[in-house]
Amino acid sequence: MAYMSSAGESNATGCVFCDHLAQGDDAAANILYRGDGVFVILNAFPYNTGHLMVAPLRHAADVTELDDTERGELFAVTCSAVQIARGALGAEGFNTGMNLGAAGGAGIPGHLHMHVVPRWSGDTNFMSTTADTKVLPEMLADTYAKLKPGFDAL
């Protein structure tokens, strides 16, 4: 609730991703991995347990702004994230993708990011259909602890 109640407040850079990167405490910021050009962070408002995002370290709004190396690393780390979540969480499937620009549905249109959402058979329940509510069986810190060793091995 503390995070949600402060979500509308302005932050240092105007970008939640850049602010998390600058925080200096990756565990507190839920950053699982930092590569040469991308990083992995847990979604603070997950669609499902283990929902994470792969984003460039530098502030870029569109895939066309990335160079070949950054684009390659973005996809390679996305593939690793799928593999790690499959092993650590027992995910049976995944939704992956990105929304570019506000008109494309991006909640943070200024800093592109690839969503990696683990899925399980039967994970959509009546709560999201009838009450527009998500029931997540695990706290973010517990999910972080399960995923972190896999990212440490990259």
Protein backbone atom coordinates (compact mmCIF):
# COMPACT_ATOMS: atom_id res chain seq x y z
CA MET A 1 0.00 0.00 0.00
CA ALA A 2 2.88 2.41 0.70
CA TYR A 3 4.15 1.96 -2.85
CA MET A 4 0.70 2.36 -4.37
CA SER A 5 -0.11 5.48 -2.35
CA SER A 6 3.12 7.14 -3.52
CA ALA A 7 2.84 6.02 -7.16
CA GLY A 8 1.53 9.40 -8.31
CA GLU A 9 4.27 11.38 -6.60
CA SER A 10 7.02 12.82 -8.76
CA ASN A 11 10.37 11.12 -8.60
CA ALA A 12 13.91 12.35 -9.23
CA THR A 13 14.11 11.67 -12.96
CA GLY A 14 10.47 11.24 -13.86
CA CYS A 15 11.21 7.60 -14.77
CA VAL A 16 10.57 4.80 -12.28
CA PHE A 17 13.09 2.52 -14.04
CA CYS A 18 15.89 5.10 -13.98
CA ASP A 19 15.11 5.90 -10.33
CA HIS A 20 15.29 2.22 -9.38
CA LEU A 21 18.61 1.87 -11.21
CA ALA A 22 20.03 4.87 -9.34
CA GLN A 23 18.77 3.69 -5.94
CA GLY A 24 21.98 1.80 -5.17
CA ASP A 25 20.28 -1.17 -3.48
CA ASP A 26 19.25 -3.68 -6.12
CA ALA A 27 17.48 -5.98 -3.66
CA ALA A 28 15.35 -3.12 -2.29
CA ALA A 29 14.62 -2.00 -5.87
CA ASN A 30 13.70 -5.58 -6.89
CA ILE A 31 16.42 -5.56 -9.56
CA LEU A 32 17.36 -9.16 -10.27
CA TYR A 33 20.12 -8.59 -12.83
CA ARG A 34 22.28 -5.90 -14.43
CA GLY A 35 23.96 -6.70 -17.71
CA ASP A 36 26.09 -4.58 -20.04
CA GLY A 37 23.09 -2.85 -21.58
CA VAL A 38 19.93 -4.22 -19.91
CA PHE A 39 18.56 -5.06 -16.48
CA VAL A 40 15.80 -7.25 -15.06
CA ILE A 41 13.34 -6.01 -12.44
CA LEU A 42 10.25 -7.51 -10.81
CA ASN A 43 7.02 -5.73 -11.68
CA ALA A 44 5.71 -3.93 -8.58
CA PHE A 45 2.16 -4.47 -9.86
CA PRO A 46 2.44 -8.02 -11.22
CA TYR A 47 -0.15 -9.59 -13.51
CA ASN A 48 0.93 -12.93 -12.06
CA THR A 49 3.55 -14.31 -9.67
CA GLY A 50 7.03 -13.85 -11.14
CA HIS A 51 6.05 -11.05 -13.54
CA LEU A 52 9.30 -9.35 -14.43
CA MET A 53 10.55 -6.86 -16.99
CA VAL A 54 13.72 -6.65 -19.05
CA ALA A 55 14.68 -3.08 -19.92
CA PRO A 56 17.66 -1.19 -21.29
CA LEU A 57 19.93 0.47 -18.75
CA ARG A 58 19.76 3.71 -20.68
CA HIS A 59 16.54 5.66 -20.98
CA ALA A 60 15.06 4.77 -24.38
CA ALA A 61 11.39 4.88 -25.34
CA ASP A 62 11.37 2.73 -28.48
CA VAL A 63 13.14 -0.34 -29.84
CA THR A 64 14.30 1.75 -32.79
CA GLU A 65 16.43 3.79 -30.36
CA LEU A 66 18.46 0.73 -29.33
CA ASP A 67 21.64 -0.27 -31.12
CA ASP A 68 22.16 -3.83 -32.37
CA THR A 69 24.05 -4.87 -29.24
CA GLU A 70 21.31 -3.59 -26.91
CA ARG A 71 18.57 -5.26 -28.98
CA GLY A 72 20.48 -8.54 -28.97
CA GLU A 73 21.05 -8.42 -25.22
CA LEU A 74 17.40 -7.50 -24.59
CA PHE A 75 16.21 -10.62 -26.38
CA ALA A 76 18.95 -12.88 -24.98
CA VAL A 77 18.19 -11.83 -21.39
CA THR A 78 14.45 -12.22 -22.06
CA CYS A 79 15.14 -15.82 -23.13
CA SER A 80 17.21 -16.36 -19.98
CA ALA A 81 14.41 -14.87 -17.85
CA VAL A 82 11.95 -17.37 -19.31
CA GLN A 83 14.33 -20.23 -18.60
CA ILE A 84 15.02 -19.05 -15.04
CA ALA A 85 11.34 -18.52 -14.21
CA ARG A 86 10.43 -21.88 -15.69
CA GLY A 87 12.97 -23.60 -13.44
CA ALA A 88 12.51 -21.54 -10.26
CA LEU A 89 8.74 -21.17 -10.35
CA GLY A 90 7.62 -24.19 -12.36
CA ALA A 91 5.87 -21.98 -14.91
CA GLU A 92 4.04 -23.93 -17.61
CA GLY A 93 3.87 -21.09 -20.14
CA PHE A 94 4.63 -17.39 -20.59
CA ASN A 95 3.32 -14.17 -22.01
CA THR A 96 6.14 -11.96 -23.31
CA GLY A 97 5.91 -8.64 -25.06
CA MET A 98 6.17 -4.89 -24.92
CA ASN A 99 3.81 -1.98 -25.37
CA LEU A 100 5.41 0.97 -27.13
CA GLY A 101 4.08 4.47 -26.54
CA ALA A 102 1.03 5.58 -24.60
CA ALA A 103 -1.26 4.77 -27.54
CA GLY A 104 0.24 1.27 -27.59
CA GLY A 105 -0.68 0.72 -23.95
CA ALA A 106 2.68 1.46 -22.31
CA GLY A 107 2.23 2.35 -18.64
CA ILE A 108 5.75 3.81 -18.66
CA PRO A 109 6.03 5.09 -22.24
CA GLY A 110 9.40 6.81 -21.82
CA HIS A 111 11.45 3.69 -20.98
CA LEU A 112 10.77 0.59 -23.03
CA HIS A 113 10.58 -2.76 -21.31
CA MET A 114 9.82 -6.36 -22.21
CA HIS A 115 7.26 -8.04 -19.97
CA VAL A 116 7.85 -11.68 -19.00
CA VAL A 117 4.75 -13.10 -17.32
CA PRO A 118 4.87 -16.71 -16.08
CA ARG A 119 1.63 -18.65 -16.56
CA TRP A 120 0.13 -21.85 -15.18
CA SER A 121 -2.85 -23.84 -16.34
CA GLY A 122 -5.88 -22.48 -14.50
CA ASP A 123 -4.16 -19.35 -13.17
CA THR A 124 -6.99 -17.10 -14.35
CA ASN A 125 -9.61 -17.23 -11.66
CA PHE A 126 -13.01 -15.72 -10.99
CA MET A 127 -11.56 -12.84 -8.96
CA SER A 128 -10.08 -11.09 -12.01
CA THR A 129 -13.27 -11.71 -13.98
CA THR A 130 -15.90 -10.73 -11.44
CA ALA A 131 -14.15 -8.34 -9.09
CA ASP A 132 -11.30 -6.91 -11.21
CA THR A 133 -8.98 -8.22 -8.48
CA LYS A 134 -5.78 -10.24 -8.68
CA VAL A 135 -4.93 -12.79 -6.04
CA LEU A 136 -1.20 -13.48 -5.96
CA PRO A 137 -0.06 -16.39 -3.82
CA GLU A 138 3.40 -14.99 -3.10
CA MET A 139 5.00 -11.78 -1.85
CA LEU A 140 7.48 -10.01 -4.14
CA ALA A 141 10.37 -10.64 -1.73
CA ASP A 142 9.70 -14.39 -1.83
CA THR A 143 9.59 -14.39 -5.63
CA TYR A 144 12.80 -12.34 -5.72
CA ALA A 145 14.55 -14.90 -3.51
CA LYS A 146 13.50 -17.75 -5.80
CA LEU A 147 14.59 -16.00 -9.02
CA LYS A 148 17.77 -14.24 -7.88
CA PRO A 149 20.11 -17.29 -7.87
CA GLY A 150 19.29 -17.96 -11.53
CA PHE A 151 20.11 -14.40 -12.53
CA ASP A 152 23.28 -14.43 -10.41
CA ALA A 153 24.45 -17.36 -12.55
CA LEU A 154 24.13 -15.37 -15.83
